[in-house]
């Protein structure tokens, strides 16, 4: 049997036709309507994805940002896709396409995918951190996905990095920790138009040794590694797997590991034994496909 998995990202709506083992048979992406658009604009794009494949699939599995009621399909929030906030996505899919569906938060989907058959397979306590248009974390505790009281456990886009400036958007991880922060900061420091620098070009510059680009990466990693250190003091995990498109860049993982090593070695108690143990840092095995695979896993196990 075949299923359609859809990942609602801030930049692209990614999709894949998959079998029940998670093998990807076909995949693609369409630009995500921006925040000024409407739900109908979103469903116009979705029609282009679903309708040509409707006869061959048994259901649709969604990964989406925001606070998701996984039992009903209701989207309390929807990240940058503000036009979906307050919508029951599963009811809408049934009405439009007459197909069963499921929906879960994108970072939680990534964690389920990696636990299913990826970098968290067999791990009792671990987490996935997804670096995309926003930042999310999926947490596995005692072998189970931890959702929290309001389904918002791991919504680290809301983490305040500058507690004395709570009214400024750049005080939060969503702005400072997203993959877009690298290019945005580089453009600000060099004076170039932000449209001239995307993630691919940013890492070209880093790998070429561009001084400004390398400094931007180091500062970005310091904030990210500092957050991981703090998460570890609270959660005591075995492993943090880094996901999102930029996780495929070896230099990113190298820099995160280097900074984590420094933070644990620099602690005043490190010479005579720290109570907090350093976690393993790795990349998600499925990189940008983790959200799609986890959405399917949730669909297959939703009952």
C-alpha atoms as a PDB file:
ATOM      1  CA  UNK A   1       0.000   0.000   0.000  1.00  0.00           C
ATOM      2  CA  UNK A   2       1.076   3.580  -0.686  1.00  0.00           C
ATOM      3  CA  UNK A   3       0.663   6.715   1.409  1.00  0.00           C
ATOM      4  CA  UNK A   4       1.275  10.399   0.857  1.00  0.00           C
ATOM      5  CA  UNK A   5       3.354  12.235   3.467  1.00  0.00           C
ATOM      6  CA  UNK A   6       3.288  16.042   3.465  1.00  0.00           C
ATOM      7  CA  UNK A   7       5.659  18.291   5.411  1.00  0.00           C
ATOM      8  CA  UNK A   8       4.377  21.862   5.804  1.00  0.00           C
ATOM      9  CA  UNK A   9       7.572  23.892   5.958  1.00  0.00           C
ATOM     10  CA  UNK A  10       7.956  27.637   6.190  1.00  0.00           C
ATOM     11  CA  UNK A  11       9.632  27.798   2.782  1.00  0.00           C
ATOM     12  CA  UNK A  12       8.457  24.664   0.958  1.00  0.00           C
ATOM     13  CA  UNK A  13       5.650  22.131   1.242  1.00  0.00           C
ATOM     14  CA  UNK A  14       7.579  18.888   0.782  1.00  0.00           C
ATOM     15  CA  UNK A  15       5.831  15.638  -0.069  1.00  0.00           C
ATOM     16  CA  UNK A  16       6.604  11.991  -0.688  1.00  0.00           C
ATOM     17  CA  UNK A  17       4.720   8.897  -1.797  1.00  0.00           C
ATOM     18  CA  UNK A  18       5.882   6.128   0.548  1.00  0.00           C
ATOM     19  CA  UNK A  19       5.199   2.499   1.310  1.00  0.00           C
ATOM     20  CA  UNK A  20       4.370   1.236   4.800  1.00  0.00           C
ATOM     21  CA  UNK A  21       8.035   0.504   5.525  1.00  0.00           C
ATOM     22  CA  UNK A  22       8.922   4.152   4.991  1.00  0.00           C
ATOM     23  CA  UNK A  23      10.584   3.721   1.609  1.00  0.00           C
ATOM     24  CA  UNK A  24      10.236   6.831  -0.536  1.00  0.00           C
ATOM     25  CA  UNK A  25       8.863   6.022  -3.981  1.00  0.00           C
ATOM     26  CA  UNK A  26       8.503   9.601  -5.206  1.00  0.00           C
ATOM     27  CA  UNK A  27       9.102  13.005  -3.690  1.00  0.00           C
ATOM     28  CA  UNK A  28       8.955  16.678  -4.527  1.00  0.00           C
ATOM     29  CA  UNK A  29       8.193  20.123  -3.149  1.00  0.00           C
ATOM     30  CA  UNK A  30       6.147  23.239  -3.834  1.00  0.00           C
ATOM     31  CA  UNK A  31       6.662  26.795  -2.503  1.00  0.00           C
ATOM     32  CA  UNK A  32       4.701  27.467   0.696  1.00  0.00           C
ATOM     33  CA  UNK A  33       2.211  30.354   0.414  1.00  0.00           C
ATOM     34  CA  UNK A  34       3.528  33.206   2.568  1.00  0.00           C
ATOM     35  CA  UNK A  35       1.834  34.546   5.695  1.00  0.00           C
ATOM     36  CA  UNK A  36      -0.184  37.092   3.695  1.00  0.00           C
ATOM     37  CA  UNK A  37      -2.031  34.316   1.854  1.00  0.00           C
ATOM     38  CA  UNK A  38      -5.122  32.335   2.921  1.00  0.00           C
ATOM     39  CA  UNK A  39      -6.002  28.728   3.679  1.00  0.00           C
ATOM     40  CA  UNK A  40      -7.490  28.477   0.190  1.00  0.00           C
ATOM     41  CA  UNK A  41      -4.119  29.414  -1.290  1.00  0.00           C
ATOM     42  CA  UNK A  42      -2.588  26.601   0.751  1.00  0.00           C
ATOM     43  CA  UNK A  43      -5.184  24.068  -0.416  1.00  0.00           C
ATOM     44  CA  UNK A  44      -4.702  25.176  -4.016  1.00  0.00           C
ATOM     45  CA  UNK A  45      -1.057  24.060  -3.681  1.00  0.00           C
ATOM     46  CA  UNK A  46      -2.117  20.888  -1.867  1.00  0.00           C
ATOM     47  CA  UNK A  47      -4.553  20.054  -4.685  1.00  0.00           C
ATOM     48  CA  UNK A  48      -1.591  19.986  -7.085  1.00  0.00           C
ATOM     49  CA  UNK A  49       0.121  17.453  -4.834  1.00  0.00           C
ATOM     50  CA  UNK A  50      -2.822  15.255  -3.843  1.00  0.00           C
ATOM     51  CA  UNK A  51      -5.146  15.063  -6.836  1.00  0.00           C
ATOM     52  CA  UNK A  52      -2.708  13.471  -9.338  1.00  0.00           C
ATOM     53  CA  UNK A  53      -1.926  10.776  -6.747  1.00  0.00           C
ATOM     54  CA  UNK A  54      -5.311  10.374  -5.077  1.00  0.00           C
ATOM     55  CA  UNK A  55      -6.177   7.033  -6.688  1.00  0.00           C
ATOM     56  CA  UNK A  56      -2.947   5.313  -5.608  1.00  0.00           C
ATOM     57  CA  UNK A  57      -2.762   6.333  -1.939  1.00  0.00           C
ATOM     58  CA  UNK A  58      -4.489   5.019   1.190  1.00  0.00           C
ATOM     59  CA  UNK A  59      -4.190   8.197   3.244  1.00  0.00           C
ATOM     60  CA  UNK A  60      -2.291  11.425   3.898  1.00  0.00           C
ATOM     61  CA  UNK A  61       0.140  11.976   6.767  1.00  0.00           C
ATOM     62  CA  UNK A  62       0.994  15.564   7.694  1.00  0.00           C
ATOM     63  CA  UNK A  63       3.924  17.098   9.506  1.00  0.00           C
ATOM     64  CA  UNK A  64       3.356  20.753  10.387  1.00  0.00           C
ATOM     65  CA  UNK A  65       4.748  23.429  12.702  1.00  0.00           C
ATOM     66  CA  UNK A  66       2.918  24.592  15.802  1.00  0.00           C
ATOM     67  CA  UNK A  67       0.658  23.246  18.531  1.00  0.00           C
ATOM     68  CA  UNK A  68      -1.212  20.234  17.161  1.00  0.00           C
ATOM     69  CA  UNK A  69      -3.963  18.207  18.818  1.00  0.00           C
ATOM     70  CA  UNK A  70      -2.968  14.826  17.430  1.00  0.00           C
ATOM     71  CA  UNK A  71      -6.200  13.176  18.614  1.00  0.00           C
ATOM     72  CA  UNK A  72      -8.517  15.456  16.627  1.00  0.00           C
ATOM     73  CA  UNK A  73      -6.322  17.055  13.959  1.00  0.00           C
ATOM     74  CA  UNK A  74      -6.993  20.574  15.242  1.00  0.00           C
ATOM     75  CA  UNK A  75      -4.204  23.138  14.730  1.00  0.00           C
ATOM     76  CA  UNK A  76      -4.099  25.510  17.709  1.00  0.00           C
ATOM     77  CA  UNK A  77      -1.161  27.291  16.077  1.00  0.00           C
ATOM     78  CA  UNK A  78       0.659  26.685  12.794  1.00  0.00           C
ATOM     79  CA  UNK A  79       4.002  28.472  12.934  1.00  0.00           C
ATOM     80  CA  UNK A  80       4.530  30.645   9.872  1.00  0.00           C
ATOM     81  CA  UNK A  81       1.481  29.110   8.174  1.00  0.00           C
ATOM     82  CA  UNK A  82      -0.801  31.428  10.150  1.00  0.00           C
ATOM     83  CA  UNK A  83      -3.724  30.861   7.761  1.00  0.00           C
ATOM     84  CA  UNK A  84      -4.012  27.272   9.041  1.00  0.00           C
ATOM     85  CA  UNK A  85      -4.325  28.289  12.702  1.00  0.00           C
ATOM     86  CA  UNK A  86      -7.688  27.263  14.125  1.00  0.00           C
ATOM     87  CA  UNK A  87      -8.331  24.719  11.356  1.00  0.00           C
ATOM     88  CA  UNK A  88      -9.099  21.056  11.877  1.00  0.00           C
ATOM     89  CA  UNK A  89      -6.801  19.771   9.157  1.00  0.00           C
ATOM     90  CA  UNK A  90      -7.973  16.153   9.277  1.00  0.00           C
ATOM     91  CA  UNK A  91     -11.636  17.120   8.921  1.00  0.00           C
ATOM     92  CA  UNK A  92     -10.755  19.368   5.991  1.00  0.00           C
ATOM     93  CA  UNK A  93      -8.791  16.598   4.256  1.00  0.00           C
ATOM     94  CA  UNK A  94     -11.694  14.161   4.660  1.00  0.00           C
ATOM     95  CA  UNK A  95     -14.093  16.735   3.226  1.00  0.00           C
ATOM     96  CA  UNK A  96     -11.902  17.655   0.258  1.00  0.00           C
ATOM     97  CA  UNK A  97     -10.285  14.364  -0.709  1.00  0.00           C
ATOM     98  CA  UNK A  98     -12.316  11.670   1.102  1.00  0.00           C
ATOM     99  CA  UNK A  99      -9.137  10.153   2.502  1.00  0.00           C
ATOM    100  CA  UNK A 100      -8.086   9.353   6.073  1.00  0.00           C
ATOM    101  CA  UNK A 101      -5.314  11.556   7.441  1.00  0.00           C
ATOM    102  CA  UNK A 102      -3.238  12.370  10.502  1.00  0.00           C
ATOM    103  CA  UNK A 103      -1.221  15.393  11.573  1.00  0.00           C
ATOM    104  CA  UNK A 104       1.555  15.938  14.088  1.00  0.00           C
ATOM    105  CA  UNK A 105       4.098  18.601  14.954  1.00  0.00           C
ATOM    106  CA  UNK A 106       7.105  18.617  12.623  1.00  0.00           C
ATOM    107  CA  UNK A 107       9.855  18.206  15.241  1.00  0.00           C
ATOM    108  CA  UNK A 108       7.913  15.413  16.925  1.00  0.00           C
ATOM    109  CA  UNK A 109       7.621  13.737  13.511  1.00  0.00           C
ATOM    110  CA  UNK A 110      11.387  13.995  13.099  1.00  0.00           C
ATOM    111  CA  UNK A 111      11.927  12.354  16.495  1.00  0.00           C
ATOM    112  CA  UNK A 112       9.524   9.519  15.654  1.00  0.00           C
ATOM    113  CA  UNK A 113      11.280   8.935  12.325  1.00  0.00           C
ATOM    114  CA  UNK A 114      14.705   8.740  13.916  1.00  0.00           C
ATOM    115  CA  UNK A 115      13.390   6.459  16.668  1.00  0.00           C
ATOM    116  CA  UNK A 116      11.638   4.251  14.098  1.00  0.00           C
ATOM    117  CA  UNK A 117      14.733   3.358  12.133  1.00  0.00           C
ATOM    118  CA  UNK A 118      17.299   6.152  12.393  1.00  0.00           C
ATOM    119  CA  UNK A 119      19.783   7.777  14.741  1.00  0.00           C
ATOM    120  CA  UNK A 120      17.549   7.277  17.813  1.00  0.00           C
ATOM    121  CA  UNK A 121      16.716   3.631  17.143  1.00  0.00           C
ATOM    122  CA  UNK A 122      17.074   1.694  20.400  1.00  0.00           C
ATOM    123  CA  UNK A 123      17.727   4.902  22.360  1.00  0.00           C
ATOM    124  CA  UNK A 124      15.839   5.189  25.653  1.00  0.00           C
ATOM    125  CA  UNK A 125      16.310   8.939  26.165  1.00  0.00           C
ATOM    126  CA  UNK A 126      17.185  11.255  23.295  1.00  0.00           C
ATOM    127  CA  UNK A 127      16.094  14.208  21.214  1.00  0.00           C
ATOM    128  CA  UNK A 128      16.039  15.584  17.700  1.00  0.00           C
ATOM    129  CA  UNK A 129      16.651  19.300  17.115  1.00  0.00           C
ATOM    130  CA  UNK A 130      15.405  20.482  13.725  1.00  0.00           C
ATOM    131  CA  UNK A 131      17.042  23.604  12.304  1.00  0.00           C
ATOM    132  CA  UNK A 132      14.751  25.009   9.639  1.00  0.00           C
ATOM    133  CA  UNK A 133      12.756  28.179   9.059  1.00  0.00           C
ATOM    134  CA  UNK A 134      12.048  27.846  12.785  1.00  0.00           C
ATOM    135  CA  UNK A 135      13.569  25.569  15.413  1.00  0.00           C
ATOM    136  CA  UNK A 136      11.908  22.562  17.008  1.00  0.00           C
ATOM    137  CA  UNK A 137      12.822  19.676  19.282  1.00  0.00           C
ATOM    138  CA  UNK A 138      11.261  16.253  19.593  1.00  0.00           C
ATOM    139  CA  UNK A 139      11.999  14.526  22.898  1.00  0.00           C
ATOM    140  CA  UNK A 140      12.061  10.776  23.590  1.00  0.00           C
ATOM    141  CA  UNK A 141      11.788   9.862  27.294  1.00  0.00           C
ATOM    142  CA  UNK A 142      11.799   6.219  28.433  1.00  0.00           C
ATOM    143  CA  UNK A 143      11.415   5.159  24.807  1.00  0.00           C
ATOM    144  CA  UNK A 144       8.299   7.260  24.217  1.00  0.00           C
ATOM    145  CA  UNK A 145       7.679  10.592  22.527  1.00  0.00           C
ATOM    146  CA  UNK A 146       7.057  13.265  25.152  1.00  0.00           C
ATOM    147  CA  UNK A 147       4.310  15.689  24.082  1.00  0.00           C
ATOM    148  CA  UNK A 148       3.699  17.737  27.226  1.00  0.00           C
ATOM    149  CA  UNK A 149       0.442  18.896  28.791  1.00  0.00           C
ATOM    150  CA  UNK A 150      -0.540  21.099  25.833  1.00  0.00           C
ATOM    151  CA  UNK A 151       1.273  19.182  23.051  1.00  0.00           C
ATOM    152  CA  UNK A 152       4.016  21.844  23.070  1.00  0.00           C
ATOM    153  CA  UNK A 153       6.996  20.065  24.643  1.00  0.00           C
ATOM    154  CA  UNK A 154      10.048  20.891  22.548  1.00  0.00           C
ATOM    155  CA  UNK A 155       8.750  24.141  21.037  1.00  0.00           C
ATOM    156  CA  UNK A 156      12.194  25.691  21.455  1.00  0.00           C
ATOM    157  CA  UNK A 157      11.522  28.412  18.885  1.00  0.00           C
ATOM    158  CA  UNK A 158      10.062  30.173  21.932  1.00  0.00           C
ATOM    159  CA  UNK A 159      13.230  29.788  23.994  1.00  0.00           C
ATOM    160  CA  UNK A 160      14.318  33.230  25.206  1.00  0.00           C
ATOM    161  CA  UNK A 161      18.059  33.736  24.733  1.00  0.00           C
ATOM    162  CA  UNK A 162      18.037  37.332  26.021  1.00  0.00           C
ATOM    163  CA  UNK A 163      15.657  37.377  28.959  1.00  0.00           C
ATOM    164  CA  UNK A 164      16.046  41.150  29.503  1.00  0.00           C
ATOM    165  CA  UNK A 165      14.601  41.876  26.041  1.00  0.00           C
ATOM    166  CA  UNK A 166      11.375  39.836  25.893  1.00  0.00           C
ATOM    167  CA  UNK A 167       9.638  42.177  23.414  1.00  0.00           C
ATOM    168  CA  UNK A 168      12.269  41.792  20.692  1.00  0.00           C
ATOM    169  CA  UNK A 169      11.782  38.966  18.195  1.00  0.00           C
ATOM    170  CA  UNK A 170      15.519  38.408  17.860  1.00  0.00           C
ATOM    171  CA  UNK A 171      15.669  37.489  21.553  1.00  0.00           C
ATOM    172  CA  UNK A 172      14.149  34.123  20.698  1.00  0.00           C
ATOM    173  CA  UNK A 173      15.519  30.892  19.282  1.00  0.00           C
ATOM    174  CA  UNK A 174      13.081  31.092  16.345  1.00  0.00           C
ATOM    175  CA  UNK A 175      15.102  34.000  14.968  1.00  0.00           C
ATOM    176  CA  UNK A 176      18.591  33.348  16.361  1.00  0.00           C
ATOM    177  CA  UNK A 177      18.604  29.581  16.023  1.00  0.00           C
ATOM    178  CA  UNK A 178      16.916  28.988  12.674  1.00  0.00           C
ATOM    179  CA  UNK A 179      18.912  28.047   9.604  1.00  0.00           C
ATOM    180  CA  UNK A 180      17.919  31.411   8.104  1.00  0.00           C
ATOM    181  CA  UNK A 181      19.817  33.224  10.876  1.00  0.00           C
ATOM    182  CA  UNK A 182      23.156  32.388   9.268  1.00  0.00           C
ATOM    183  CA  UNK A 183      22.470  34.124   5.957  1.00  0.00           C
ATOM    184  CA  UNK A 184      20.581  36.969   7.591  1.00  0.00           C
ATOM    185  CA  UNK A 185      23.478  37.717   9.959  1.00  0.00           C
ATOM    186  CA  UNK A 186      26.070  37.424   7.178  1.00  0.00           C
ATOM    187  CA  UNK A 187      24.108  39.874   5.017  1.00  0.00           C
ATOM    188  CA  UNK A 188      23.872  42.348   7.905  1.00  0.00           C
ATOM    189  CA  UNK A 189      27.612  42.179   8.612  1.00  0.00           C
ATOM    190  CA  UNK A 190      28.694  42.473   4.977  1.00  0.00           C
ATOM    191  CA  UNK A 191      26.019  44.868   3.748  1.00  0.00           C
ATOM    192  CA  UNK A 192      24.843  42.624   0.920  1.00  0.00           C
ATOM    193  CA  UNK A 193      21.201  42.117   0.007  1.00  0.00           C
ATOM    194  CA  UNK A 194      19.827  39.184   2.103  1.00  0.00           C
ATOM    195  CA  UNK A 195      18.297  37.729  -1.081  1.00  0.00           C
ATOM    196  CA  UNK A 196      21.830  37.119  -2.377  1.00  0.00           C
ATOM    197  CA  UNK A 197      22.708  34.608   0.336  1.00  0.00           C
ATOM    198  CA  UNK A 198      20.878  31.314   0.858  1.00  0.00           C
ATOM    199  CA  UNK A 199      21.929  28.314   2.928  1.00  0.00           C
ATOM    200  CA  UNK A 200      23.799  26.660   0.072  1.00  0.00           C
ATOM    201  CA  UNK A 201      25.851  29.780  -0.668  1.00  0.00           C
ATOM    202  CA  UNK A 202      26.455  30.383   3.038  1.00  0.00           C
ATOM    203  CA  UNK A 203      28.125  27.018   3.492  1.00  0.00           C
ATOM    204  CA  UNK A 204      30.091  27.471   0.273  1.00  0.00           C
ATOM    205  CA  UNK A 205      31.586  30.580   1.842  1.00  0.00           C
ATOM    206  CA  UNK A 206      32.208  28.801   5.148  1.00  0.00           C
ATOM    207  CA  UNK A 207      33.926  25.874   3.450  1.00  0.00           C
ATOM    208  CA  UNK A 208      36.005  28.320   1.383  1.00  0.00           C
ATOM    209  CA  UNK A 209      37.208  29.890   4.627  1.00  0.00           C
ATOM    210  CA  UNK A 210      35.460  33.249   4.278  1.00  0.00           C
ATOM    211  CA  UNK A 211      36.377  35.019   7.534  1.00  0.00           C
ATOM    212  CA  UNK A 212      33.000  36.664   8.123  1.00  0.00           C
ATOM    213  CA  UNK A 213      31.024  33.535   7.231  1.00  0.00           C
ATOM    214  CA  UNK A 214      33.135  31.414   9.596  1.00  0.00           C
ATOM    215  CA  UNK A 215      32.688  33.912  12.417  1.00  0.00           C
ATOM    216  CA  UNK A 216      28.912  33.959  11.855  1.00  0.00           C
ATOM    217  CA  UNK A 217      28.858  30.149  12.029  1.00  0.00           C
ATOM    218  CA  UNK A 218      30.900  30.083  15.254  1.00  0.00           C
ATOM    219  CA  UNK A 219      28.582  32.588  16.948  1.00  0.00           C
ATOM    220  CA  UNK A 220      25.525  30.665  15.736  1.00  0.00           C
ATOM    221  CA  UNK A 221      26.926  27.394  17.076  1.00  0.00           C
ATOM    222  CA  UNK A 222      27.778  28.954  20.455  1.00  0.00           C
ATOM    223  CA  UNK A 223      24.114  29.818  21.023  1.00  0.00           C
ATOM    224  CA  UNK A 224      22.938  26.422  19.780  1.00  0.00           C
ATOM    225  CA  UNK A 225      25.486  24.452  21.814  1.00  0.00           C
ATOM    226  CA  UNK A 226      24.733  26.568  24.890  1.00  0.00           C
ATOM    227  CA  UNK A 227      21.069  25.653  24.562  1.00  0.00           C
ATOM    228  CA  UNK A 228      21.908  21.961  24.134  1.00  0.00           C
ATOM    229  CA  UNK A 229      24.073  22.138  27.273  1.00  0.00           C
ATOM    230  CA  UNK A 230      21.135  23.611  29.210  1.00  0.00           C
ATOM    231  CA  UNK A 231      18.705  21.022  27.818  1.00  0.00           C
ATOM    232  CA  UNK A 232      21.090  18.311  28.956  1.00  0.00           C
ATOM    233  CA  UNK A 233      21.181  19.603  32.538  1.00  0.00           C
ATOM    234  CA  UNK A 234      17.391  19.318  32.595  1.00  0.00           C
ATOM    235  CA  UNK A 235      16.747  16.129  30.613  1.00  0.00           C
ATOM    236  CA  UNK A 236      19.890  13.957  30.965  1.00  0.00           C
ATOM    237  CA  UNK A 237      19.688  12.476  27.462  1.00  0.00           C
ATOM    238  CA  UNK A 238      21.929   9.986  25.708  1.00  0.00           C
ATOM    239  CA  UNK A 239      21.978  11.710  22.346  1.00  0.00           C
ATOM    240  CA  UNK A 240      20.947  14.838  20.457  1.00  0.00           C
ATOM    241  CA  UNK A 241      20.408  14.336  16.720  1.00  0.00           C
ATOM    242  CA  UNK A 242      20.544  17.470  14.571  1.00  0.00           C
ATOM    243  CA  UNK A 243      18.092  17.672  11.677  1.00  0.00           C
ATOM    244  CA  UNK A 244      17.069  20.087   8.952  1.00  0.00           C
ATOM    245  CA  UNK A 245      18.796  20.756   5.650  1.00  0.00           C
ATOM    246  CA  UNK A 246      21.927  22.293   7.174  1.00  0.00           C
ATOM    247  CA  UNK A 247      22.556  19.168   9.258  1.00  0.00           C
ATOM    248  CA  UNK A 248      23.996  17.636   6.081  1.00  0.00           C
ATOM    249  CA  UNK A 249      26.950  20.029   6.353  1.00  0.00           C
ATOM    250  CA  UNK A 250      29.804  18.175   8.123  1.00  0.00           C
ATOM    251  CA  UNK A 251      31.341  21.414   9.392  1.00  0.00           C
ATOM    252  CA  UNK A 252      28.165  22.259  11.338  1.00  0.00           C
ATOM    253  CA  UNK A 253      28.321  19.006  13.327  1.00  0.00           C
ATOM    254  CA  UNK A 254      32.064  19.421  13.838  1.00  0.00           C
ATOM    255  CA  UNK A 255      31.583  22.900  15.294  1.00  0.00           C
ATOM    256  CA  UNK A 256      28.694  21.843  17.545  1.00  0.00           C
ATOM    257  CA  UNK A 257      30.704  18.927  18.939  1.00  0.00           C
ATOM    258  CA  UNK A 258      33.723  21.177  19.485  1.00  0.00           C
ATOM    259  CA  UNK A 259      31.649  23.737  21.387  1.00  0.00           C
ATOM    260  CA  UNK A 260      29.883  21.079  23.481  1.00  0.00           C
ATOM    261  CA  UNK A 261      33.280  19.628  24.417  1.00  0.00           C
ATOM    262  CA  UNK A 262      34.448  23.090  25.451  1.00  0.00           C
ATOM    263  CA  UNK A 263      31.367  23.798  27.582  1.00  0.00           C
ATOM    264  CA  UNK A 264      31.740  20.565  29.539  1.00  0.00           C
ATOM    265  CA  UNK A 265      35.516  20.893  29.922  1.00  0.00           C
ATOM    266  CA  UNK A 266      35.301  24.560  30.979  1.00  0.00           C
ATOM    267  CA  UNK A 267      32.866  23.967  33.835  1.00  0.00           C
ATOM    268  CA  UNK A 268      34.561  24.612  37.223  1.00  0.00           C
ATOM    269  CA  UNK A 269      33.693  21.117  38.477  1.00  0.00           C
ATOM    270  CA  UNK A 270      34.985  19.274  35.396  1.00  0.00           C
ATOM    271  CA  UNK A 271      38.336  18.492  37.048  1.00  0.00           C
ATOM    272  CA  UNK A 272      36.724  16.434  39.815  1.00  0.00           C
ATOM    273  CA  UNK A 273      33.636  15.034  38.124  1.00  0.00           C
ATOM    274  CA  UNK A 274      30.496  16.668  36.779  1.00  0.00           C
ATOM    275  CA  UNK A 275      27.060  15.338  37.668  1.00  0.00           C
ATOM    276  CA  UNK A 276      25.851  16.277  34.174  1.00  0.00           C
ATOM    277  CA  UNK A 277      27.158  13.895  31.522  1.00  0.00           C
ATOM    278  CA  UNK A 278      28.050  15.009  28.025  1.00  0.00           C
ATOM    279  CA  UNK A 279      25.594  13.660  25.419  1.00  0.00           C
ATOM    280  CA  UNK A 280      26.454  12.298  22.013  1.00  0.00           C
ATOM    281  CA  UNK A 281      25.894  14.731  19.129  1.00  0.00           C
ATOM    282  CA  UNK A 282      25.043  13.333  15.709  1.00  0.00           C
ATOM    283  CA  UNK A 283      23.086  14.168  12.558  1.00  0.00           C
ATOM    284  CA  UNK A 284      19.645  12.802  11.851  1.00  0.00           C
ATOM    285  CA  UNK A 285      20.014   9.764   9.632  1.00  0.00           C
ATOM    286  CA  UNK A 286      17.235  10.956   7.337  1.00  0.00           C
ATOM    287  CA  UNK A 287      18.153  14.654   7.341  1.00  0.00           C
ATOM    288  CA  UNK A 288      15.369  16.622   5.604  1.00  0.00           C
ATOM    289  CA  UNK A 289      13.236  13.499   5.093  1.00  0.00           C
ATOM    290  CA  UNK A 290      12.802  12.876   8.846  1.00  0.00           C
ATOM    291  CA  UNK A 291       9.594  14.916   9.046  1.00  0.00           C
ATOM    292  CA  UNK A 292       8.030  12.967   6.171  1.00  0.00           C
ATOM    293  CA  UNK A 293       8.989   9.580   7.591  1.00  0.00           C
ATOM    294  CA  UNK A 294       7.780  10.515  11.070  1.00  0.00           C
ATOM    295  CA  UNK A 295       4.465  11.759   9.705  1.00  0.00           C
ATOM    296  CA  UNK A 296       3.943   8.370   8.075  1.00  0.00           C
ATOM    297  CA  UNK A 297       4.935   6.563  11.276  1.00  0.00           C
ATOM    298  CA  UNK A 298       2.346   8.571  13.199  1.00  0.00           C
ATOM    299  CA  UNK A 299      -0.329   7.831  10.581  1.00  0.00           C
ATOM    300  CA  UNK A 300       0.365   4.087  10.681  1.00  0.00           C
ATOM    301  CA  UNK A 301       0.317   4.002  14.501  1.00  0.00           C
ATOM    302  CA  UNK A 302      -2.296   6.674  15.236  1.00  0.00           C
ATOM    303  CA  UNK A 303      -4.841   4.218  16.676  1.00  0.00           C
END
